[in-house]
Amino acid sequence: MKFPYGMCDFYDIITENYFYVDRTNKIPLIEETGKYLLFLRPRRFGKSLVLSMLENYYDVAKTKEFEQLFGTLARAHSQKRVIINLGLRKINFVLQCSFAK
């Protein structure tokens, strides 16, 4: 088993079979929290990995890979993701900014 020390790309961690602590059961809590979220955690505590996981979860372009990425995780078994069409009221966008460089 490989440990993903320093990695924060959810897609790479899952597809390359690294050890992953499943946090997908927290997605409903994040969805119900409110309009704005602020992640205050210490350095190297998994903030970027959680955001990468959410990015992959909501990315419509990765619909065909959803089972590969989330098929063995908790969220995939509790409730299937609803793909949001542009004709519906609610549309989720993921904006990713990196200030690391």
PDB file of N, CA and C in Angstrom:
ATOM      1  N   MET A   1       0.844  -1.176   0.000  1.00  0.00           N
ATOM      2  CA  MET A   1       0.000   0.000   0.000  1.00  0.00           C
ATOM      3  C   MET A   1       0.889   1.239   0.000  1.00  0.00           C
ATOM      4  N   LYS A   2       0.577   2.157  -0.896  1.00  0.00           N
ATOM      5  CA  LYS A   2       1.346   3.390  -1.007  1.00  0.00           C
ATOM      6  C   LYS A   2       0.632   4.499  -0.244  1.00  0.00           C
ATOM      7  N   PHE A   3       1.409   5.335   0.432  1.00  0.00           N
ATOM      8  CA  PHE A   3       0.850   6.471   1.160  1.00  0.00           C
ATOM      9  C   PHE A   3       1.097   7.745   0.359  1.00  0.00           C
ATOM     10  N   PRO A   4       0.064   8.576   0.199  1.00  0.00           N
ATOM     11  CA  PRO A   4       0.173   9.752  -0.668  1.00  0.00           C
ATOM     12  C   PRO A   4       0.722  10.982   0.052  1.00  0.00           C
ATOM     13  N   TYR A   5       1.858  10.875   0.671  1.00  0.00           N
ATOM     14  CA  TYR A   5       2.407  12.008   1.414  1.00  0.00           C
ATOM     15  C   TYR A   5       2.686  13.171   0.463  1.00  0.00           C
ATOM     16  N   GLY A   6       2.120  14.306   0.753  1.00  0.00           N
ATOM     17  CA  GLY A   6       2.333  15.505  -0.049  1.00  0.00           C
ATOM     18  C   GLY A   6       1.472  15.589  -1.293  1.00  0.00           C
ATOM     19  N   MET A   7       0.653  14.589  -1.561  1.00  0.00           N
ATOM     20  CA  MET A   7      -0.213  14.609  -2.735  1.00  0.00           C
ATOM     21  C   MET A   7      -1.558  15.217  -2.372  1.00  0.00           C
ATOM     22  N   CYS A   8      -2.098  16.034  -3.256  1.00  0.00           N
ATOM     23  CA  CYS A   8      -3.408  16.626  -2.990  1.00  0.00           C
ATOM     24  C   CYS A   8      -4.333  16.523  -4.196  1.00  0.00           C
ATOM     25  N   ASP A   9      -4.037  15.611  -5.096  1.00  0.00           N
ATOM     26  CA  ASP A   9      -4.885  15.393  -6.268  1.00  0.00           C
ATOM     27  C   ASP A   9      -5.671  14.101  -6.074  1.00  0.00           C
ATOM     28  N   PHE A  10      -6.954  14.243  -5.806  1.00  0.00           N
ATOM     29  CA  PHE A  10      -7.823  13.101  -5.530  1.00  0.00           C
ATOM     30  C   PHE A  10      -7.811  12.093  -6.679  1.00  0.00           C
ATOM     31  N   TYR A  11      -7.873  12.577  -7.901  1.00  0.00           N
ATOM     32  CA  TYR A  11      -7.895  11.705  -9.069  1.00  0.00           C
ATOM     33  C   TYR A  11      -6.666  10.806  -9.111  1.00  0.00           C
ATOM     34  N   ASP A  12      -5.484  11.392  -8.904  1.00  0.00           N
ATOM     35  CA  ASP A  12      -4.248  10.605  -8.914  1.00  0.00           C
ATOM     36  C   ASP A  12      -4.208   9.598  -7.767  1.00  0.00           C
ATOM     37  N   ILE A  13      -4.653   9.998  -6.601  1.00  0.00           N
ATOM     38  CA  ILE A  13      -4.621   9.125  -5.431  1.00  0.00           C
ATOM     39  C   ILE A  13      -5.503   7.888  -5.658  1.00  0.00           C
ATOM     40  N   ILE A  14      -6.686   8.092  -6.203  1.00  0.00           N
ATOM     41  CA  ILE A  14      -7.605   6.968  -6.422  1.00  0.00           C
ATOM     42  C   ILE A  14      -7.147   6.096  -7.579  1.00  0.00           C
ATOM     43  N   THR A  15      -6.793   6.708  -8.709  1.00  0.00           N
ATOM     44  CA  THR A  15      -6.454   5.914  -9.900  1.00  0.00           C
ATOM     45  C   THR A  15      -5.117   5.199  -9.770  1.00  0.00           C
ATOM     46  N   GLU A  16      -4.210   5.710  -8.934  1.00  0.00           N
ATOM     47  CA  GLU A  16      -2.911   5.067  -8.747  1.00  0.00           C
ATOM     48  C   GLU A  16      -2.869   4.209  -7.488  1.00  0.00           C
ATOM     49  N   ASN A  17      -4.036   3.944  -6.890  1.00  0.00           N
ATOM     50  CA  ASN A  17      -4.204   3.046  -5.735  1.00  0.00           C
ATOM     51  C   ASN A  17      -3.375   3.436  -4.521  1.00  0.00           C
ATOM     52  N   TYR A  18      -3.395   4.712  -4.175  1.00  0.00           N
ATOM     53  CA  TYR A  18      -2.796   5.157  -2.926  1.00  0.00           C
ATOM     54  C   TYR A  18      -3.808   4.974  -1.797  1.00  0.00           C
ATOM     55  N   PHE A  19      -3.310   4.950  -0.570  1.00  0.00           N
ATOM     56  CA  PHE A  19      -4.176   4.870   0.599  1.00  0.00           C
ATOM     57  C   PHE A  19      -4.986   6.158   0.693  1.00  0.00           C
ATOM     58  N   TYR A  20      -6.294   6.034   0.897  1.00  0.00           N
ATOM     59  CA  TYR A  20      -7.164   7.208   0.988  1.00  0.00           C
ATOM     60  C   TYR A  20      -8.137   7.027   2.139  1.00  0.00           C
ATOM     61  N   VAL A  21      -8.190   7.998   3.037  1.00  0.00           N
ATOM     62  CA  VAL A  21      -9.164   7.994   4.128  1.00  0.00           C
ATOM     63  C   VAL A  21     -10.438   8.634   3.583  1.00  0.00           C
ATOM     64  N   ASP A  22     -11.491   7.860   3.523  1.00  0.00           N
ATOM     65  CA  ASP A  22     -12.735   8.281   2.882  1.00  0.00           C
ATOM     66  C   ASP A  22     -13.417   9.391   3.684  1.00  0.00           C
ATOM     67  N   ARG A  23     -13.609  10.537   3.040  1.00  0.00           N
ATOM     68  CA  ARG A  23     -14.320  11.660   3.656  1.00  0.00           C
ATOM     69  C   ARG A  23     -15.574  12.015   2.874  1.00  0.00           C
ATOM     70  N   THR A  24     -15.973  11.136   1.950  1.00  0.00           N
ATOM     71  CA  THR A  24     -17.134  11.446   1.125  1.00  0.00           C
ATOM     72  C   THR A  24     -18.437  11.447   1.915  1.00  0.00           C
ATOM     73  N   ASN A  25     -18.438  10.834   3.096  1.00  0.00           N
ATOM     74  CA  ASN A  25     -19.641  10.867   3.923  1.00  0.00           C
ATOM     75  C   ASN A  25     -19.920  12.265   4.472  1.00  0.00           C
ATOM     76  N   LYS A  26     -18.973  13.176   4.347  1.00  0.00           N
ATOM     77  CA  LYS A  26     -19.146  14.559   4.806  1.00  0.00           C
ATOM     78  C   LYS A  26     -19.747  15.459   3.734  1.00  0.00           C
ATOM     79  N   ILE A  27     -19.909  14.960   2.518  1.00  0.00           N
ATOM     80  CA  ILE A  27     -20.448  15.793   1.433  1.00  0.00           C
ATOM     81  C   ILE A  27     -21.845  16.331   1.755  1.00  0.00           C
ATOM     82  N   PRO A  28     -22.785  15.528   2.293  1.00  0.00           N
ATOM     83  CA  PRO A  28     -24.096  16.096   2.634  1.00  0.00           C
ATOM     84  C   PRO A  28     -23.995  17.219   3.676  1.00  0.00           C
ATOM     85  N   LEU A  29     -23.104  17.086   4.623  1.00  0.00           N
ATOM     86  CA  LEU A  29     -22.907  18.131   5.622  1.00  0.00           C
ATOM     87  C   LEU A  29     -22.406  19.419   4.980  1.00  0.00           C
ATOM     88  N   ILE A  30     -21.476  19.289   4.049  1.00  0.00           N
ATOM     89  CA  ILE A  30     -20.948  20.456   3.344  1.00  0.00           C
ATOM     90  C   ILE A  30     -22.041  21.100   2.495  1.00  0.00           C
ATOM     91  N   GLU A  31     -22.868  20.278   1.839  1.00  0.00           N
ATOM     92  CA  GLU A  31     -23.937  20.799   0.993  1.00  0.00           C
ATOM     93  C   GLU A  31     -24.995  21.552   1.790  1.00  0.00           C
ATOM     94  N   GLU A  32     -25.246  21.118   3.019  1.00  0.00           N
ATOM     95  CA  GLU A  32     -26.284  21.727   3.842  1.00  0.00           C
ATOM     96  C   GLU A  32     -25.778  22.888   4.695  1.00  0.00           C
ATOM     97  N   THR A  33     -24.483  23.103   4.746  1.00  0.00           N
ATOM     98  CA  THR A  33     -23.910  24.088   5.660  1.00  0.00           C
ATOM     99  C   THR A  33     -24.367  25.503   5.381  1.00  0.00           C
ATOM    100  N   GLY A  34     -24.258  25.931   4.175  1.00  0.00           N
ATOM    101  CA  GLY A  34     -24.674  27.298   3.885  1.00  0.00           C
ATOM    102  C   GLY A  34     -24.049  27.820   2.617  1.00  0.00           C
ATOM    103  N   LYS A  35     -24.137  29.115   2.494  1.00  0.00           N
ATOM    104  CA  LYS A  35     -23.708  29.757   1.260  1.00  0.00           C
ATOM    105  C   LYS A  35     -22.195  29.840   1.130  1.00  0.00           C
ATOM    106  N   TYR A  36     -21.503  30.128   2.208  1.00  0.00           N
ATOM    107  CA  TYR A  36     -20.052  30.289   2.172  1.00  0.00           C
ATOM    108  C   TYR A  36     -19.387  29.314   3.142  1.00  0.00           C
ATOM    109  N   LEU A  37     -18.289  28.743   2.705  1.00  0.00           N
ATOM    110  CA  LEU A  37     -17.532  27.823   3.546  1.00  0.00           C
ATOM    111  C   LEU A  37     -16.127  28.342   3.721  1.00  0.00           C
ATOM    112  N   LEU A  38     -15.597  28.160   4.904  1.00  0.00           N
ATOM    113  CA  LEU A  38     -14.228  28.552   5.198  1.00  0.00           C
ATOM    114  C   LEU A  38     -13.563  27.381   5.907  1.00  0.00           C
ATOM    115  N   PHE A  39     -12.522  26.835   5.296  1.00  0.00           N
ATOM    116  CA  PHE A  39     -11.800  25.702   5.874  1.00  0.00           C
ATOM    117  C   PHE A  39     -10.590  26.232   6.641  1.00  0.00           C
ATOM    118  N   LEU A  40     -10.673  26.213   7.951  1.00  0.00           N
ATOM    119  CA  LEU A  40      -9.560  26.636   8.795  1.00  0.00           C
ATOM    120  C   LEU A  40      -8.945  25.404   9.438  1.00  0.00           C
ATOM    121  N   ARG A  41      -7.850  24.959   8.901  1.00  0.00           N
ATOM    122  CA  ARG A  41      -7.134  23.798   9.423  1.00  0.00           C
ATOM    123  C   ARG A  41      -5.646  24.096   9.355  1.00  0.00           C
ATOM    124  N   PRO A  42      -4.848  23.419  10.153  1.00  0.00           N
ATOM    125  CA  PRO A  42      -3.393  23.622  10.087  1.00  0.00           C
ATOM    126  C   PRO A  42      -2.807  23.161   8.753  1.00  0.00           C
ATOM    127  N   ARG A  43      -1.579  23.522   8.531  1.00  0.00           N
ATOM    128  CA  ARG A  43      -0.874  23.077   7.328  1.00  0.00           C
ATOM    129  C   ARG A  43      -0.831  21.554   7.276  1.00  0.00           C
ATOM    130  N   ARG A  44      -0.840  21.020   6.050  1.00  0.00           N
ATOM    131  CA  ARG A  44      -0.716  19.584   5.800  1.00  0.00           C
ATOM    132  C   ARG A  44      -1.849  18.791   6.458  1.00  0.00           C
ATOM    133  N   PHE A  45      -3.029  19.370   6.501  1.00  0.00           N
ATOM    134  CA  PHE A  45      -4.155  18.736   7.183  1.00  0.00           C
ATOM    135  C   PHE A  45      -5.228  18.243   6.222  1.00  0.00           C
ATOM    136  N   GLY A  46      -4.997  18.341   4.903  1.00  0.00           N
ATOM    137  CA  GLY A  46      -5.907  17.767   3.932  1.00  0.00           C
ATOM    138  C   GLY A  46      -6.927  18.710   3.325  1.00  0.00           C
ATOM    139  N   LYS A  47      -6.746  20.018   3.474  1.00  0.00           N
ATOM    140  CA  LYS A  47      -7.707  20.963   2.895  1.00  0.00           C
ATOM    141  C   LYS A  47      -7.748  20.862   1.379  1.00  0.00           C
ATOM    142  N   SER A  48      -6.607  20.857   0.756  1.00  0.00           N
ATOM    143  CA  SER A  48      -6.546  20.798  -0.709  1.00  0.00           C
ATOM    144  C   SER A  48      -7.076  19.472  -1.234  1.00  0.00           C
ATOM    145  N   LEU A  49      -6.842  18.398  -0.513  1.00  0.00           N
ATOM    146  CA  LEU A  49      -7.341  17.087  -0.940  1.00  0.00           C
ATOM    147  C   LEU A  49      -8.867  17.032  -0.857  1.00  0.00           C
ATOM    148  N   VAL A  50      -9.451  17.618   0.175  1.00  0.00           N
ATOM    149  CA  VAL A  50     -10.914  17.662   0.285  1.00  0.00           C
ATOM    150  C   VAL A  50     -11.496  18.472  -0.866  1.00  0.00           C
ATOM    151  N   LEU A  51     -10.886  19.596  -1.185  1.00  0.00           N
ATOM    152  CA  LEU A  51     -11.377  20.402  -2.305  1.00  0.00           C
ATOM    153  C   LEU A  51     -11.211  19.670  -3.635  1.00  0.00           C
ATOM    154  N   SER A  52     -10.122  18.931  -3.783  1.00  0.00           N
ATOM    155  CA  SER A  52      -9.919  18.142  -4.989  1.00  0.00           C
ATOM    156  C   SER A  52     -10.965  17.029  -5.087  1.00  0.00           C
ATOM    157  N   MET A  53     -11.296  16.422  -3.957  1.00  0.00           N
ATOM    158  CA  MET A  53     -12.329  15.395  -3.936  1.00  0.00           C
ATOM    159  C   MET A  53     -13.674  15.991  -4.360  1.00  0.00           C
ATOM    160  N   LEU A  54     -14.012  17.174  -3.845  1.00  0.00           N
ATOM    161  CA  LEU A  54     -15.262  17.834  -4.221  1.00  0.00           C
ATOM    162  C   LEU A  54     -15.256  18.225  -5.694  1.00  0.00           C
ATOM    163  N   GLU A  55     -14.114  18.667  -6.175  1.00  0.00           N
ATOM    164  CA  GLU A  55     -13.987  19.027  -7.587  1.00  0.00           C
ATOM    165  C   GLU A  55     -14.284  17.817  -8.469  1.00  0.00           C
ATOM    166  N   ASN A  56     -13.727  16.672  -8.136  1.00  0.00           N
ATOM    167  CA  ASN A  56     -13.963  15.451  -8.910  1.00  0.00           C
ATOM    168  C   ASN A  56     -15.399  14.953  -8.742  1.00  0.00           C
ATOM    169  N   TYR A  57     -15.988  15.161  -7.587  1.00  0.00           N
ATOM    170  CA  TYR A  57     -17.353  14.716  -7.319  1.00  0.00           C
ATOM    171  C   TYR A  57     -18.366  15.484  -8.166  1.00  0.00           C
ATOM    172  N   TYR A  58     -18.172  16.789  -8.283  1.00  0.00           N
ATOM    173  CA  TYR A  58     -19.131  17.628  -9.002  1.00  0.00           C
ATOM    174  C   TYR A  58     -18.779  17.868 -10.463  1.00  0.00           C
ATOM    175  N   ASP A  59     -17.627  17.451 -10.910  1.00  0.00           N
ATOM    176  CA  ASP A  59     -17.194  17.728 -12.276  1.00  0.00           C
ATOM    177  C   ASP A  59     -18.013  16.909 -13.275  1.00  0.00           C
ATOM    178  N   VAL A  60     -18.808  17.594 -14.070  1.00  0.00           N
ATOM    179  CA  VAL A  60     -19.650  16.929 -15.058  1.00  0.00           C
ATOM    180  C   VAL A  60     -18.790  16.244 -16.123  1.00  0.00           C
ATOM    181  N   ALA A  61     -17.607  16.771 -16.382  1.00  0.00           N
ATOM    182  CA  ALA A  61     -16.711  16.177 -17.382  1.00  0.00           C
ATOM    183  C   ALA A  61     -16.205  14.798 -16.953  1.00  0.00           C
ATOM    184  N   LYS A  62     -16.294  14.485 -15.660  1.00  0.00           N
ATOM    185  CA  LYS A  62     -15.817  13.190 -15.165  1.00  0.00           C
ATOM    186  C   LYS A  62     -16.960  12.240 -14.841  1.00  0.00           C
ATOM    187  N   THR A  63     -18.105  12.453 -15.461  1.00  0.00           N
ATOM    188  CA  THR A  63     -19.272  11.613 -15.215  1.00  0.00           C
ATOM    189  C   THR A  63     -18.996  10.154 -15.549  1.00  0.00           C
ATOM    190  N   LYS A  64     -18.306   9.908 -16.639  1.00  0.00           N
ATOM    191  CA  LYS A  64     -18.028   8.530 -17.055  1.00  0.00           C
ATOM    192  C   LYS A  64     -17.068   7.829 -16.102  1.00  0.00           C
ATOM    193  N   GLU A  65     -16.276   8.593 -15.353  1.00  0.00           N
ATOM    194  CA  GLU A  65     -15.308   8.013 -14.416  1.00  0.00           C
ATOM    195  C   GLU A  65     -15.823   7.999 -12.976  1.00  0.00           C
ATOM    196  N   PHE A  66     -17.074   8.391 -12.770  1.00  0.00           N
ATOM    197  CA  PHE A  66     -17.613   8.501 -11.414  1.00  0.00           C
ATOM    198  C   PHE A  66     -17.541   7.183 -10.659  1.00  0.00           C
ATOM    199  N   GLU A  67     -17.931   6.087 -11.285  1.00  0.00           N
ATOM    200  CA  GLU A  67     -17.889   4.775 -10.619  1.00  0.00           C
ATOM    201  C   GLU A  67     -16.457   4.367 -10.285  1.00  0.00           C
ATOM    202  N   GLN A  68     -15.515   4.666 -11.155  1.00  0.00           N
ATOM    203  CA  GLN A  68     -14.115   4.329 -10.892  1.00  0.00           C
ATOM    204  C   GLN A  68     -13.586   5.125  -9.706  1.00  0.00           C
ATOM    205  N   LEU A  69     -13.958   6.398  -9.616  1.00  0.00           N
ATOM    206  CA  LEU A  69     -13.434   7.259  -8.556  1.00  0.00           C
ATOM    207  C   LEU A  69     -14.156   7.066  -7.231  1.00  0.00           C
ATOM    208  N   PHE A  70     -15.483   6.943  -7.265  1.00  0.00           N
ATOM    209  CA  PHE A  70     -16.269   6.939  -6.028  1.00  0.00           C
ATOM    210  C   PHE A  70     -17.009   5.632  -5.769  1.00  0.00           C
ATOM    211  N   GLY A  71     -16.831   4.630  -6.617  1.00  0.00           N
ATOM    212  CA  GLY A  71     -17.576   3.380  -6.489  1.00  0.00           C
ATOM    213  C   GLY A  71     -17.353   2.635  -5.188  1.00  0.00           C
ATOM    214  N   THR A  72     -16.166   2.722  -4.614  1.00  0.00           N
ATOM    215  CA  THR A  72     -15.871   2.005  -3.369  1.00  0.00           C
ATOM    216  C   THR A  72     -15.984   2.894  -2.139  1.00  0.00           C
ATOM    217  N   LEU A  73     -16.331   4.159  -2.314  1.00  0.00           N
ATOM    218  CA  LEU A  73     -16.377   5.111  -1.197  1.00  0.00           C
ATOM    219  C   LEU A  73     -17.789   5.230  -0.640  1.00  0.00           C
ATOM    220  N   ALA A  74     -17.920   5.781   0.541  1.00  0.00           N
ATOM    221  CA  ALA A  74     -19.190   5.820   1.272  1.00  0.00           C
ATOM    222  C   ALA A  74     -20.284   6.573   0.523  1.00  0.00           C
ATOM    223  N   ARG A  75     -19.954   7.683  -0.077  1.00  0.00           N
ATOM    224  CA  ARG A  75     -20.972   8.508  -0.727  1.00  0.00           C
ATOM    225  C   ARG A  75     -21.604   7.802  -1.922  1.00  0.00           C
ATOM    226  N   ALA A  76     -20.858   6.989  -2.607  1.00  0.00           N
ATOM    227  CA  ALA A  76     -21.388   6.271  -3.765  1.00  0.00           C
ATOM    228  C   ALA A  76     -22.457   5.270  -3.345  1.00  0.00           C
ATOM    229  N   HIS A  77     -22.367   4.719  -2.140  1.00  0.00           N
ATOM    230  CA  HIS A  77     -23.321   3.712  -1.688  1.00  0.00           C
ATOM    231  C   HIS A  77     -24.535   4.332  -1.008  1.00  0.00           C
ATOM    232  N   SER A  78     -24.375   5.498  -0.406  1.00  0.00           N
ATOM    233  CA  SER A  78     -25.486   6.092   0.326  1.00  0.00           C
ATOM    234  C   SER A  78     -26.476   6.775  -0.598  1.00  0.00           C
ATOM    235  N   GLN A  79     -25.960   7.446  -1.611  1.00  0.00           N
ATOM    236  CA  GLN A  79     -26.846   8.171  -2.511  1.00  0.00           C
ATOM    237  C   GLN A  79     -26.061   8.513  -3.770  1.00  0.00           C
ATOM    238  N   LYS A  80     -26.645   8.274  -4.907  1.00  0.00           N
ATOM    239  CA  LYS A  80     -25.971   8.581  -6.159  1.00  0.00           C
ATOM    240  C   LYS A  80     -25.973  10.090  -6.392  1.00  0.00           C
ATOM    241  N   ARG A  81     -24.926  10.552  -7.026  1.00  0.00           N
ATOM    242  CA  ARG A  81     -24.800  11.967  -7.365  1.00  0.00           C
ATOM    243  C   ARG A  81     -25.833  12.323  -8.421  1.00  0.00           C
ATOM    244  N   VAL A  82     -26.419  13.484  -8.270  1.00  0.00           N
ATOM    245  CA  VAL A  82     -27.355  13.989  -9.261  1.00  0.00           C
ATOM    246  C   VAL A  82     -26.578  14.915 -10.184  1.00  0.00           C
ATOM    247  N   ILE A  83     -26.584  14.591 -11.465  1.00  0.00           N
ATOM    248  CA  ILE A  83     -25.924  15.450 -12.432  1.00  0.00           C
ATOM    249  C   ILE A  83     -26.884  16.574 -12.775  1.00  0.00           C
ATOM    250  N   ILE A  84     -26.416  17.776 -12.594  1.00  0.00           N
ATOM    251  CA  ILE A  84     -27.270  18.944 -12.736  1.00  0.00           C
ATOM    252  C   ILE A  84     -27.201  19.452 -14.172  1.00  0.00           C
ATOM    253  N   ASN A  85     -28.338  19.499 -14.835  1.00  0.00           N
ATOM    254  CA  ASN A  85     -28.407  20.038 -16.179  1.00  0.00           C
ATOM    255  C   ASN A  85     -28.535  21.552 -16.119  1.00  0.00           C
ATOM    256  N   LEU A  86     -28.154  22.213 -17.184  1.00  0.00           N
ATOM    257  CA  LEU A  86     -28.220  23.671 -17.210  1.00  0.00           C
ATOM    258  C   LEU A  86     -29.644  24.188 -17.135  1.00  0.00           C
ATOM    259  N   GLY A  87     -30.633  23.363 -17.426  1.00  0.00           N
ATOM    260  CA  GLY A  87     -32.017  23.802 -17.393  1.00  0.00           C
ATOM    261  C   GLY A  87     -32.606  23.858 -15.988  1.00  0.00           C
ATOM    262  N   LEU A  88     -31.945  23.307 -15.009  1.00  0.00           N
ATOM    263  CA  LEU A  88     -32.481  23.301 -13.646  1.00  0.00           C
ATOM    264  C   LEU A  88     -32.087  24.568 -12.896  1.00  0.00           C
ATOM    265  N   ARG A  89     -32.680  24.746 -11.751  1.00  0.00           N
ATOM    266  CA  ARG A  89     -32.450  25.963 -10.976  1.00  0.00           C
ATOM    267  C   ARG A  89     -31.064  26.046 -10.375  1.00  0.00           C
ATOM    268  N   LYS A  90     -30.550  24.957  -9.842  1.00  0.00           N
ATOM    269  CA  LYS A  90     -29.296  25.005  -9.098  1.00  0.00           C
ATOM    270  C   LYS A  90     -28.151  24.444  -9.937  1.00  0.00           C
ATOM    271  N   ILE A  91     -27.101  25.206 -10.076  1.00  0.00           N
ATOM    272  CA  ILE A  91     -25.917  24.785 -10.815  1.00  0.00           C
ATOM    273  C   ILE A  91     -24.719  24.955  -9.900  1.00  0.00           C
ATOM    274  N   ASN A  92     -23.914  23.919  -9.781  1.00  0.00           N
ATOM    275  CA  ASN A  92     -22.719  23.996  -8.949  1.00  0.00           C
ATOM    276  C   ASN A  92     -21.490  24.229  -9.818  1.00  0.00           C
ATOM    277  N   PHE A  93     -20.687  25.183  -9.417  1.00  0.00           N
ATOM    278  CA  PHE A  93     -19.423  25.446 -10.076  1.00  0.00           C
ATOM    279  C   PHE A  93     -18.313  25.256  -9.068  1.00  0.00           C
ATOM    280  N   VAL A  94     -17.191  24.734  -9.512  1.00  0.00           N
ATOM    281  CA  VAL A  94     -16.039  24.583  -8.646  1.00  0.00           C
ATOM    282  C   VAL A  94     -14.946  25.474  -9.185  1.00  0.00           C
ATOM    283  N   LEU A  95     -14.514  26.412  -8.371  1.00  0.00           N
ATOM    284  CA  LEU A  95     -13.430  27.321  -8.724  1.00  0.00           C
ATOM    285  C   LEU A  95     -12.201  26.899  -7.940  1.00  0.00           C
ATOM    286  N   GLN A  96     -11.141  26.572  -8.648  1.00  0.00           N
ATOM    287  CA  GLN A  96      -9.918  26.112  -7.980  1.00  0.00           C
ATOM    288  C   GLN A  96      -8.836  27.161  -8.157  1.00  0.00           C
ATOM    289  N   CYS A  97      -8.303  27.645  -7.045  1.00  0.00           N
ATOM    290  CA  CYS A  97      -7.209  28.615  -7.046  1.00  0.00           C
ATOM    291  C   CYS A  97      -6.059  28.033  -6.259  1.00  0.00           C
ATOM    292  N   SER A  98      -4.877  28.153  -6.772  1.00  0.00           N
ATOM    293  CA  SER A  98      -3.700  27.655  -6.070  1.00  0.00           C
ATOM    294  C   SER A  98      -2.751  28.813  -5.819  1.00  0.00           C
ATOM    295  N   PHE A  99      -2.431  29.044  -4.566  1.00  0.00           N
ATOM    296  CA  PHE A  99      -1.497  30.094  -4.188  1.00  0.00           C
ATOM    297  C   PHE A  99      -0.174  29.503  -3.735  1.00  0.00           C
ATOM    298  N   ALA A 100       0.046  28.242  -4.077  1.00  0.00           N
ATOM    299  CA  ALA A 100       1.245  27.536  -3.614  1.00  0.00           C
ATOM    300  C   ALA A 100       2.511  27.978  -4.336  1.00  0.00           C
ATOM    301  N   LYS A 101       2.396  28.455  -5.541  1.00  0.00           N
ATOM    302  CA  LYS A 101       3.600  28.800  -6.316  1.00  0.00           C
ATOM    303  C   LYS A 101       3.825  30.277  -6.365  1.00  0.00           C
TER     304      LYS A 101
END
